[in-house]
Amino acid sequence: MKRFVLLWLILLLIVGCVDKKEVVLPADIPDFVQVSDLTSIDWQRKAVAFKDSGMFGNVNKSSVIGADMPSLSTQKWMWHLWKTEGRTTELTIVGYHKASKDVQPILTDGWTLALGGPNNGADAHAPSSVKIPKPGKWAILLYTNEEYFDTLIYDIHE
């Protein structure tokens, strides 16, 4: 009986240590991005299709045209943001891979891009080129003018 209990405790210790990789932010990530933003993600809140324009995201908050069939190839995505009160000028986009806990830019030219004015009913928009490095569940964290704005959850396939 003691062996069984000892083996059970060892097994629990091993299982408990398997998924303990910590989130490490890249050295070049903007300093307003916090680890707590990544560790508090609601992975059940997946992006959904809405509107007839092919938008895929969080209704009346943020969405992307081009993300309805995400892949590992470089793609054009058009970002749309609502409720920005016309004050938003920059959009920082952070990719976070759930399984590996990797944090990286998904824009092909850095972390941040300039936002344009209203488009497709949204208050602000921006075109971009996006490259997702590996398949899996991704959280795309959006920051406007250096403040957290929203998170989009996508399943990326090859």
N, C-alpha and C. Protein backbone atom coordinates (compact mmCIF):
# COMPACT_ATOMS: atom_id res chain seq x y z
N MET A 1 0.82 -1.20 0.00
CA MET A 1 0.00 0.00 0.00
C MET A 1 0.87 1.26 0.00
N LYS A 2 1.95 1.25 0.79
CA LYS A 2 2.83 2.41 0.84
C LYS A 2 3.48 2.66 -0.51
N ARG A 3 3.83 1.59 -1.22
CA ARG A 3 4.41 1.74 -2.56
C ARG A 3 3.42 2.40 -3.50
N PHE A 4 2.17 1.99 -3.41
CA PHE A 4 1.13 2.55 -4.27
C PHE A 4 0.98 4.05 -4.01
N VAL A 5 0.93 4.43 -2.76
CA VAL A 5 0.80 5.85 -2.40
C VAL A 5 2.02 6.62 -2.87
N LEU A 6 3.21 6.06 -2.67
CA LEU A 6 4.44 6.72 -3.10
C LEU A 6 4.47 6.88 -4.62
N LEU A 7 4.09 5.83 -5.36
CA LEU A 7 4.05 5.92 -6.82
C LEU A 7 3.02 6.96 -7.27
N TRP A 8 1.89 6.99 -6.60
CA TRP A 8 0.85 7.97 -6.94
C TRP A 8 1.33 9.40 -6.72
N LEU A 9 2.01 9.65 -5.63
CA LEU A 9 2.55 10.97 -5.36
C LEU A 9 3.61 11.37 -6.38
N ILE A 10 4.47 10.45 -6.75
CA ILE A 10 5.49 10.73 -7.77
C ILE A 10 4.82 11.05 -9.10
N LEU A 11 3.81 10.28 -9.47
CA LEU A 11 3.08 10.54 -10.71
C LEU A 11 2.43 11.92 -10.70
N LEU A 12 1.80 12.30 -9.61
CA LEU A 12 1.19 13.62 -9.50
C LEU A 12 2.24 14.73 -9.62
N LEU A 13 3.39 14.52 -9.04
CA LEU A 13 4.47 15.51 -9.12
C LEU A 13 4.95 15.66 -10.56
N ILE A 14 5.11 14.55 -11.25
CA ILE A 14 5.57 14.60 -12.65
C ILE A 14 4.53 15.28 -13.52
N VAL A 15 3.28 14.90 -13.41
CA VAL A 15 2.21 15.49 -14.21
C VAL A 15 2.08 16.97 -13.92
N GLY A 16 2.21 17.36 -12.69
CA GLY A 16 2.09 18.77 -12.31
C GLY A 16 3.22 19.62 -12.86
N CYS A 17 4.35 19.03 -13.16
CA CYS A 17 5.50 19.79 -13.67
C CYS A 17 5.57 19.83 -15.19
N VAL A 18 4.79 19.02 -15.88
CA VAL A 18 4.88 18.92 -17.33
C VAL A 18 4.54 20.23 -18.02
N ASP A 19 3.46 20.90 -17.67
CA ASP A 19 3.01 22.10 -18.39
C ASP A 19 3.30 23.37 -17.60
N LYS A 20 4.48 23.47 -17.08
CA LYS A 20 4.82 24.63 -16.25
C LYS A 20 5.73 25.62 -16.97
N LYS A 21 5.83 25.53 -18.30
CA LYS A 21 6.64 26.50 -19.04
C LYS A 21 6.07 27.89 -18.80
N GLU A 22 6.93 28.80 -18.43
CA GLU A 22 6.50 30.16 -18.17
C GLU A 22 6.46 30.97 -19.45
N VAL A 23 5.62 31.97 -19.46
CA VAL A 23 5.54 32.89 -20.59
C VAL A 23 6.73 33.84 -20.51
N VAL A 24 7.48 33.91 -21.60
CA VAL A 24 8.62 34.81 -21.67
C VAL A 24 8.38 35.79 -22.81
N LEU A 25 8.43 37.06 -22.50
CA LEU A 25 8.23 38.09 -23.52
C LEU A 25 9.53 38.32 -24.29
N PRO A 26 9.43 38.47 -25.61
CA PRO A 26 10.63 38.75 -26.41
C PRO A 26 11.25 40.09 -25.99
N ALA A 27 12.54 40.23 -26.19
CA ALA A 27 13.25 41.45 -25.79
C ALA A 27 12.75 42.68 -26.53
N ASP A 28 12.29 42.52 -27.76
CA ASP A 28 11.89 43.68 -28.56
C ASP A 28 10.40 44.01 -28.48
N ILE A 29 9.66 43.30 -27.63
CA ILE A 29 8.22 43.57 -27.53
C ILE A 29 8.00 44.93 -26.86
N PRO A 30 6.98 45.67 -27.28
CA PRO A 30 6.71 46.96 -26.63
C PRO A 30 6.53 46.78 -25.12
N ASP A 31 7.04 47.73 -24.35
CA ASP A 31 7.07 47.58 -22.88
C ASP A 31 5.71 47.66 -22.21
N PHE A 32 4.67 48.09 -22.91
CA PHE A 32 3.34 48.13 -22.30
C PHE A 32 2.64 46.77 -22.34
N VAL A 33 3.18 45.80 -23.06
CA VAL A 33 2.61 44.44 -23.08
C VAL A 33 3.05 43.73 -21.80
N GLN A 34 2.09 43.18 -21.08
CA GLN A 34 2.36 42.54 -19.78
C GLN A 34 2.10 41.04 -19.85
N VAL A 35 2.88 40.27 -19.12
CA VAL A 35 2.67 38.82 -19.04
C VAL A 35 1.25 38.53 -18.54
N SER A 36 0.74 39.35 -17.64
CA SER A 36 -0.61 39.13 -17.10
C SER A 36 -1.67 39.23 -18.20
N ASP A 37 -1.42 40.01 -19.25
CA ASP A 37 -2.36 40.06 -20.38
C ASP A 37 -2.47 38.69 -21.04
N LEU A 38 -1.36 37.96 -21.09
CA LEU A 38 -1.32 36.65 -21.74
C LEU A 38 -1.86 35.55 -20.85
N THR A 39 -1.58 35.62 -19.57
CA THR A 39 -2.00 34.55 -18.67
C THR A 39 -3.47 34.65 -18.28
N SER A 40 -4.13 35.76 -18.61
CA SER A 40 -5.55 35.92 -18.27
C SER A 40 -6.48 35.74 -19.48
N ILE A 41 -5.98 35.15 -20.54
CA ILE A 41 -6.77 34.97 -21.77
C ILE A 41 -7.91 33.98 -21.53
N ASP A 42 -9.10 34.32 -22.02
CA ASP A 42 -10.24 33.41 -22.01
C ASP A 42 -10.24 32.64 -23.33
N TRP A 43 -9.67 31.45 -23.33
CA TRP A 43 -9.51 30.66 -24.55
C TRP A 43 -10.83 30.14 -25.09
N GLN A 44 -11.90 30.22 -24.32
CA GLN A 44 -13.22 29.78 -24.79
C GLN A 44 -13.90 30.84 -25.65
N ARG A 45 -13.43 32.06 -25.60
CA ARG A 45 -14.04 33.19 -26.32
C ARG A 45 -13.46 33.27 -27.74
N LYS A 46 -13.82 32.33 -28.57
CA LYS A 46 -13.28 32.27 -29.93
C LYS A 46 -13.90 33.32 -30.83
N ALA A 47 -13.11 33.76 -31.79
CA ALA A 47 -13.60 34.71 -32.79
C ALA A 47 -14.69 34.04 -33.62
N VAL A 48 -15.68 34.83 -34.02
CA VAL A 48 -16.80 34.31 -34.81
C VAL A 48 -16.99 35.15 -36.07
N ALA A 49 -17.63 34.55 -37.06
CA ALA A 49 -17.95 35.26 -38.29
C ALA A 49 -19.16 36.16 -38.04
N PHE A 50 -19.10 37.37 -38.56
CA PHE A 50 -20.26 38.26 -38.48
C PHE A 50 -20.22 39.25 -39.64
N LYS A 51 -21.34 39.85 -39.87
CA LYS A 51 -21.56 40.76 -40.99
C LYS A 51 -21.43 39.98 -42.30
N ASP A 52 -21.92 40.56 -43.37
CA ASP A 52 -21.84 39.92 -44.68
C ASP A 52 -20.51 40.20 -45.37
N SER A 53 -19.63 40.94 -44.73
CA SER A 53 -18.39 41.37 -45.36
C SER A 53 -17.21 40.43 -45.11
N GLY A 54 -17.44 39.28 -44.49
CA GLY A 54 -16.36 38.34 -44.22
C GLY A 54 -15.55 38.66 -42.98
N MET A 55 -16.10 39.46 -42.08
CA MET A 55 -15.38 39.78 -40.84
C MET A 55 -15.42 38.59 -39.89
N PHE A 56 -14.32 38.42 -39.17
CA PHE A 56 -14.18 37.30 -38.26
C PHE A 56 -13.51 37.84 -36.99
N GLY A 57 -14.26 37.88 -35.88
CA GLY A 57 -13.69 38.44 -34.65
C GLY A 57 -14.68 38.49 -33.52
N ASN A 58 -14.62 39.56 -32.72
CA ASN A 58 -15.51 39.80 -31.60
C ASN A 58 -16.48 40.91 -32.00
N VAL A 59 -17.75 40.58 -32.05
CA VAL A 59 -18.77 41.48 -32.58
C VAL A 59 -18.72 42.85 -31.92
N ASN A 60 -18.67 43.88 -32.77
CA ASN A 60 -18.66 45.28 -32.36
C ASN A 60 -17.51 45.66 -31.43
N LYS A 61 -16.41 44.91 -31.50
CA LYS A 61 -15.21 45.25 -30.73
C LYS A 61 -14.00 45.25 -31.67
N SER A 62 -13.67 44.07 -32.22
CA SER A 62 -12.56 43.98 -33.17
C SER A 62 -12.80 42.81 -34.11
N SER A 63 -12.31 42.95 -35.33
CA SER A 63 -12.46 41.86 -36.30
C SER A 63 -11.41 41.99 -37.39
N VAL A 64 -11.33 40.94 -38.18
CA VAL A 64 -10.38 40.90 -39.28
C VAL A 64 -11.09 40.35 -40.51
N ILE A 65 -10.89 41.01 -41.63
CA ILE A 65 -11.27 40.41 -42.92
C ILE A 65 -10.02 39.70 -43.41
N GLY A 66 -10.17 38.42 -43.73
CA GLY A 66 -9.04 37.61 -44.18
C GLY A 66 -8.69 36.52 -43.18
N ALA A 67 -9.26 36.57 -41.99
CA ALA A 67 -8.94 35.59 -40.95
C ALA A 67 -9.94 34.44 -40.91
N ASP A 68 -10.89 34.42 -41.85
CA ASP A 68 -11.89 33.35 -41.83
C ASP A 68 -11.30 32.01 -42.23
N MET A 69 -10.19 32.00 -42.93
CA MET A 69 -9.50 30.76 -43.30
C MET A 69 -8.00 30.95 -43.03
N PRO A 70 -7.65 31.15 -41.76
CA PRO A 70 -6.24 31.44 -41.44
C PRO A 70 -5.34 30.26 -41.78
N SER A 71 -4.15 30.56 -42.25
CA SER A 71 -3.20 29.51 -42.60
C SER A 71 -1.80 29.96 -42.20
N LEU A 72 -0.82 29.12 -42.50
CA LEU A 72 0.56 29.42 -42.17
C LEU A 72 1.25 30.25 -43.27
N SER A 73 0.55 30.50 -44.36
CA SER A 73 1.09 31.33 -45.44
C SER A 73 0.92 32.80 -45.09
N THR A 74 1.75 33.65 -45.69
CA THR A 74 1.57 35.09 -45.51
C THR A 74 0.25 35.48 -46.13
N GLN A 75 -0.54 36.25 -45.37
CA GLN A 75 -1.87 36.66 -45.81
C GLN A 75 -2.06 38.15 -45.62
N LYS A 76 -3.02 38.69 -46.35
CA LYS A 76 -3.46 40.08 -46.13
C LYS A 76 -4.64 40.03 -45.18
N TRP A 77 -4.56 40.78 -44.10
CA TRP A 77 -5.66 40.90 -43.15
C TRP A 77 -6.01 42.38 -43.01
N MET A 78 -7.30 42.67 -42.94
CA MET A 78 -7.78 44.04 -42.70
C MET A 78 -8.38 44.07 -41.31
N TRP A 79 -7.75 44.80 -40.40
CA TRP A 79 -8.17 44.92 -39.02
C TRP A 79 -9.26 45.98 -38.91
N HIS A 80 -10.28 45.72 -38.08
CA HIS A 80 -11.37 46.67 -37.83
C HIS A 80 -11.58 46.79 -36.32
N LEU A 81 -11.72 48.01 -35.83
CA LEU A 81 -11.94 48.26 -34.41
C LEU A 81 -13.15 49.16 -34.22
N TRP A 82 -13.97 48.83 -33.23
CA TRP A 82 -15.13 49.65 -32.86
C TRP A 82 -14.87 50.28 -31.49
N LYS A 83 -15.63 51.31 -31.20
CA LYS A 83 -15.60 51.98 -29.89
C LYS A 83 -14.21 52.54 -29.56
N THR A 84 -13.60 53.15 -30.55
CA THR A 84 -12.29 53.76 -30.33
C THR A 84 -12.41 55.27 -30.12
N GLU A 85 -13.60 55.81 -30.25
CA GLU A 85 -13.87 57.23 -30.06
C GLU A 85 -12.95 58.14 -30.86
N GLY A 86 -12.48 57.67 -32.01
CA GLY A 86 -11.69 58.49 -32.89
C GLY A 86 -10.32 58.88 -32.37
N ARG A 87 -9.88 58.32 -31.26
CA ARG A 87 -8.60 58.70 -30.67
C ARG A 87 -7.49 57.71 -30.96
N THR A 88 -7.82 56.61 -31.59
CA THR A 88 -6.84 55.55 -31.81
C THR A 88 -6.02 55.83 -33.07
N THR A 89 -4.72 55.83 -32.92
CA THR A 89 -3.84 56.07 -34.06
C THR A 89 -2.89 54.91 -34.35
N GLU A 90 -2.62 54.08 -33.33
CA GLU A 90 -1.72 52.95 -33.52
C GLU A 90 -2.34 51.66 -33.01
N LEU A 91 -2.04 50.57 -33.70
CA LEU A 91 -2.50 49.24 -33.31
C LEU A 91 -1.27 48.35 -33.17
N THR A 92 -1.07 47.81 -31.98
CA THR A 92 0.00 46.85 -31.72
C THR A 92 -0.64 45.47 -31.64
N ILE A 93 -0.04 44.51 -32.32
CA ILE A 93 -0.61 43.17 -32.43
C ILE A 93 0.40 42.15 -31.92
N VAL A 94 -0.01 41.37 -30.93
CA VAL A 94 0.86 40.38 -30.29
C VAL A 94 0.25 39.00 -30.48
N GLY A 95 1.00 38.07 -31.03
CA GLY A 95 0.55 36.69 -31.19
C GLY A 95 1.04 35.84 -30.04
N TYR A 96 0.14 34.99 -29.52
CA TYR A 96 0.48 34.11 -28.40
C TYR A 96 -0.03 32.71 -28.70
N HIS A 97 0.88 31.74 -28.85
CA HIS A 97 0.55 30.36 -29.16
C HIS A 97 0.26 29.60 -27.87
N LYS A 98 -0.93 29.05 -27.74
CA LYS A 98 -1.37 28.45 -26.47
C LYS A 98 -0.48 27.29 -26.03
N ALA A 99 -0.22 26.34 -26.92
CA ALA A 99 0.49 25.13 -26.52
C ALA A 99 1.95 25.39 -26.15
N SER A 100 2.64 26.19 -26.93
CA SER A 100 4.06 26.41 -26.69
C SER A 100 4.35 27.62 -25.80
N LYS A 101 3.33 28.46 -25.60
CA LYS A 101 3.46 29.71 -24.85
C LYS A 101 4.43 30.69 -25.53
N ASP A 102 4.63 30.54 -26.83
CA ASP A 102 5.47 31.46 -27.59
C ASP A 102 4.74 32.78 -27.80
N VAL A 103 5.46 33.87 -27.65
CA VAL A 103 4.93 35.21 -27.86
C VAL A 103 5.74 35.82 -29.00
N GLN A 104 5.06 36.30 -30.03
CA GLN A 104 5.79 36.87 -31.16
C GLN A 104 4.91 37.77 -32.00
N PRO A 105 5.56 38.61 -32.82
CA PRO A 105 4.76 39.43 -33.73
C PRO A 105 4.21 38.54 -34.83
N ILE A 106 3.01 38.85 -35.29
CA ILE A 106 2.48 38.13 -36.45
C ILE A 106 2.44 39.03 -37.68
N LEU A 107 2.61 40.34 -37.47
CA LEU A 107 2.75 41.24 -38.61
C LEU A 107 4.10 40.96 -39.25
N THR A 108 4.16 41.03 -40.57
CA THR A 108 5.42 40.74 -41.25
C THR A 108 6.46 41.84 -41.07
N ASP A 109 6.04 43.02 -40.59
CA ASP A 109 6.99 44.12 -40.45
C ASP A 109 7.00 44.74 -39.05
N GLY A 110 6.87 43.92 -38.02
CA GLY A 110 7.00 44.42 -36.66
C GLY A 110 5.76 44.21 -35.81
N TRP A 111 5.68 44.99 -34.74
CA TRP A 111 4.61 44.85 -33.76
C TRP A 111 3.46 45.82 -33.99
N THR A 112 3.71 46.97 -34.56
CA THR A 112 2.73 48.06 -34.56
C THR A 112 2.51 48.61 -35.96
N LEU A 113 1.27 49.03 -36.23
CA LEU A 113 0.95 49.69 -37.49
C LEU A 113 0.02 50.86 -37.23
N ALA A 114 -0.01 51.77 -38.18
CA ALA A 114 -0.87 52.95 -38.06
C ALA A 114 -2.29 52.59 -38.46
N LEU A 115 -3.25 53.16 -37.75
CA LEU A 115 -4.66 52.93 -38.05
C LEU A 115 -5.21 54.05 -38.90
N GLY A 116 -6.11 53.67 -39.81
CA GLY A 116 -6.84 54.65 -40.59
C GLY A 116 -8.20 54.89 -39.96
N GLY A 117 -9.02 55.70 -40.61
CA GLY A 117 -10.32 56.07 -40.09
C GLY A 117 -11.38 55.01 -40.28
N PRO A 118 -12.64 55.41 -40.20
CA PRO A 118 -13.76 54.47 -40.31
C PRO A 118 -13.77 53.69 -41.63
N ASN A 119 -14.24 52.44 -41.52
CA ASN A 119 -14.36 51.57 -42.70
C ASN A 119 -15.27 50.40 -42.35
N ASN A 120 -16.15 50.03 -43.24
CA ASN A 120 -17.04 48.88 -43.06
C ASN A 120 -17.83 48.95 -41.74
N GLY A 121 -18.17 50.13 -41.30
CA GLY A 121 -18.94 50.31 -40.07
C GLY A 121 -18.10 50.38 -38.81
N ALA A 122 -16.81 50.09 -38.90
CA ALA A 122 -15.91 50.18 -37.75
C ALA A 122 -15.40 51.61 -37.62
N ASP A 123 -14.94 51.96 -36.42
CA ASP A 123 -14.42 53.30 -36.16
C ASP A 123 -13.00 53.50 -36.69
N ALA A 124 -12.23 52.41 -36.80
CA ALA A 124 -10.85 52.49 -37.28
C ALA A 124 -10.52 51.18 -38.00
N HIS A 125 -9.56 51.25 -38.91
CA HIS A 125 -9.15 50.05 -39.64
C HIS A 125 -7.69 50.16 -40.07
N ALA A 126 -7.11 49.04 -40.49
CA ALA A 126 -5.74 49.04 -41.02
C ALA A 126 -5.51 47.75 -41.81
N PRO A 127 -4.93 47.87 -42.99
CA PRO A 127 -4.51 46.67 -43.73
C PRO A 127 -3.14 46.22 -43.23
N SER A 128 -2.86 44.93 -43.37
CA SER A 128 -1.55 44.43 -42.96
C SER A 128 -1.25 43.12 -43.67
N SER A 129 0.01 42.72 -43.60
CA SER A 129 0.42 41.38 -44.00
C SER A 129 0.74 40.62 -42.72
N VAL A 130 0.22 39.40 -42.64
CA VAL A 130 0.33 38.59 -41.43
C VAL A 130 0.97 37.25 -41.78
N LYS A 131 1.85 36.77 -40.90
CA LYS A 131 2.44 35.44 -41.06
C LYS A 131 2.36 34.73 -39.72
N ILE A 132 1.57 33.66 -39.69
CA ILE A 132 1.45 32.83 -38.48
C ILE A 132 2.50 31.72 -38.60
N PRO A 133 3.41 31.58 -37.62
CA PRO A 133 4.54 30.68 -37.78
C PRO A 133 4.26 29.19 -37.61
N LYS A 134 3.20 28.82 -36.89
CA LYS A 134 2.93 27.39 -36.69
C LYS A 134 1.45 27.18 -36.40
N PRO A 135 0.95 25.98 -36.67
CA PRO A 135 -0.47 25.71 -36.42
C PRO A 135 -0.78 25.62 -34.93
N GLY A 136 -2.06 25.76 -34.62
CA GLY A 136 -2.51 25.63 -33.24
C GLY A 136 -3.46 26.74 -32.87
N LYS A 137 -3.77 26.80 -31.60
CA LYS A 137 -4.66 27.84 -31.08
C LYS A 137 -3.82 29.07 -30.76
N TRP A 138 -4.24 30.23 -31.31
CA TRP A 138 -3.54 31.49 -31.13
C TRP A 138 -4.45 32.53 -30.51
N ALA A 139 -3.91 33.29 -29.60
CA ALA A 139 -4.57 34.49 -29.10
C ALA A 139 -3.86 35.66 -29.75
N ILE A 140 -4.62 36.52 -30.37
CA ILE A 140 -4.07 37.72 -30.99
C ILE A 140 -4.50 38.90 -30.11
N LEU A 141 -3.56 39.44 -29.36
CA LEU A 141 -3.85 40.55 -28.45
C LEU A 141 -3.68 41.87 -29.18
N LEU A 142 -4.65 42.74 -29.03
CA LEU A 142 -4.65 44.03 -29.68
C LEU A 142 -4.50 45.13 -28.65
N TYR A 143 -3.61 46.07 -28.94
CA TYR A 143 -3.37 47.23 -28.09
C TYR A 143 -3.54 48.47 -28.95
N THR A 144 -4.28 49.45 -28.46
CA THR A 144 -4.42 50.71 -29.17
C THR A 144 -3.77 51.81 -28.33
N ASN A 145 -2.92 52.56 -28.99
CA ASN A 145 -2.21 53.64 -28.30
C ASN A 145 -1.60 53.19 -26.97
N GLU A 146 -0.98 52.01 -27.01
CA GLU A 146 -0.24 51.44 -25.88
C GLU A 146 -1.11 50.97 -24.72
N GLU A 147 -2.40 50.72 -24.97
CA GLU A 147 -3.29 50.17 -23.95
C GLU A 147 -3.99 48.94 -24.50
N TYR A 148 -4.17 47.93 -23.63
CA TYR A 148 -4.86 46.71 -24.06
C TYR A 148 -6.25 47.07 -24.58
N PHE A 149 -6.64 46.45 -25.71
CA PHE A 149 -7.94 46.73 -26.32
C PHE A 149 -8.82 45.48 -26.39
N ASP A 150 -8.30 44.37 -26.94
CA ASP A 150 -9.12 43.18 -27.13
C ASP A 150 -8.22 42.00 -27.47
N THR A 151 -8.81 40.79 -27.41
CA THR A 151 -8.11 39.57 -27.80
C THR A 151 -8.98 38.78 -28.76
N LEU A 152 -8.38 38.34 -29.85
CA LEU A 152 -9.05 37.48 -30.83
C LEU A 152 -8.45 36.09 -30.71
N ILE A 153 -9.30 35.06 -30.63
CA ILE A 153 -8.84 33.68 -30.52
C ILE A 153 -9.12 32.98 -31.84
N TYR A 154 -8.05 32.46 -32.46
CA TYR A 154 -8.17 31.75 -33.74
C TYR A 154 -7.51 30.40 -33.66
N ASP A 155 -8.08 29.41 -34.37
CA ASP A 155 -7.43 28.13 -34.60
C ASP A 155 -6.78 28.22 -35.97
N ILE A 156 -5.47 28.11 -36.02
CA ILE A 156 -4.72 28.24 -37.26
C ILE A 156 -4.33 26.85 -37.75
N HIS A 157 -4.67 26.61 -39.01
CA HIS A 157 -4.34 25.32 -39.63
C HIS A 157 -3.35 25.55 -40.76
N GLU A 158 -2.80 24.47 -41.27
CA GLU A 158 -1.85 24.60 -42.38
C GLU A 158 -2.54 24.98 -43.66
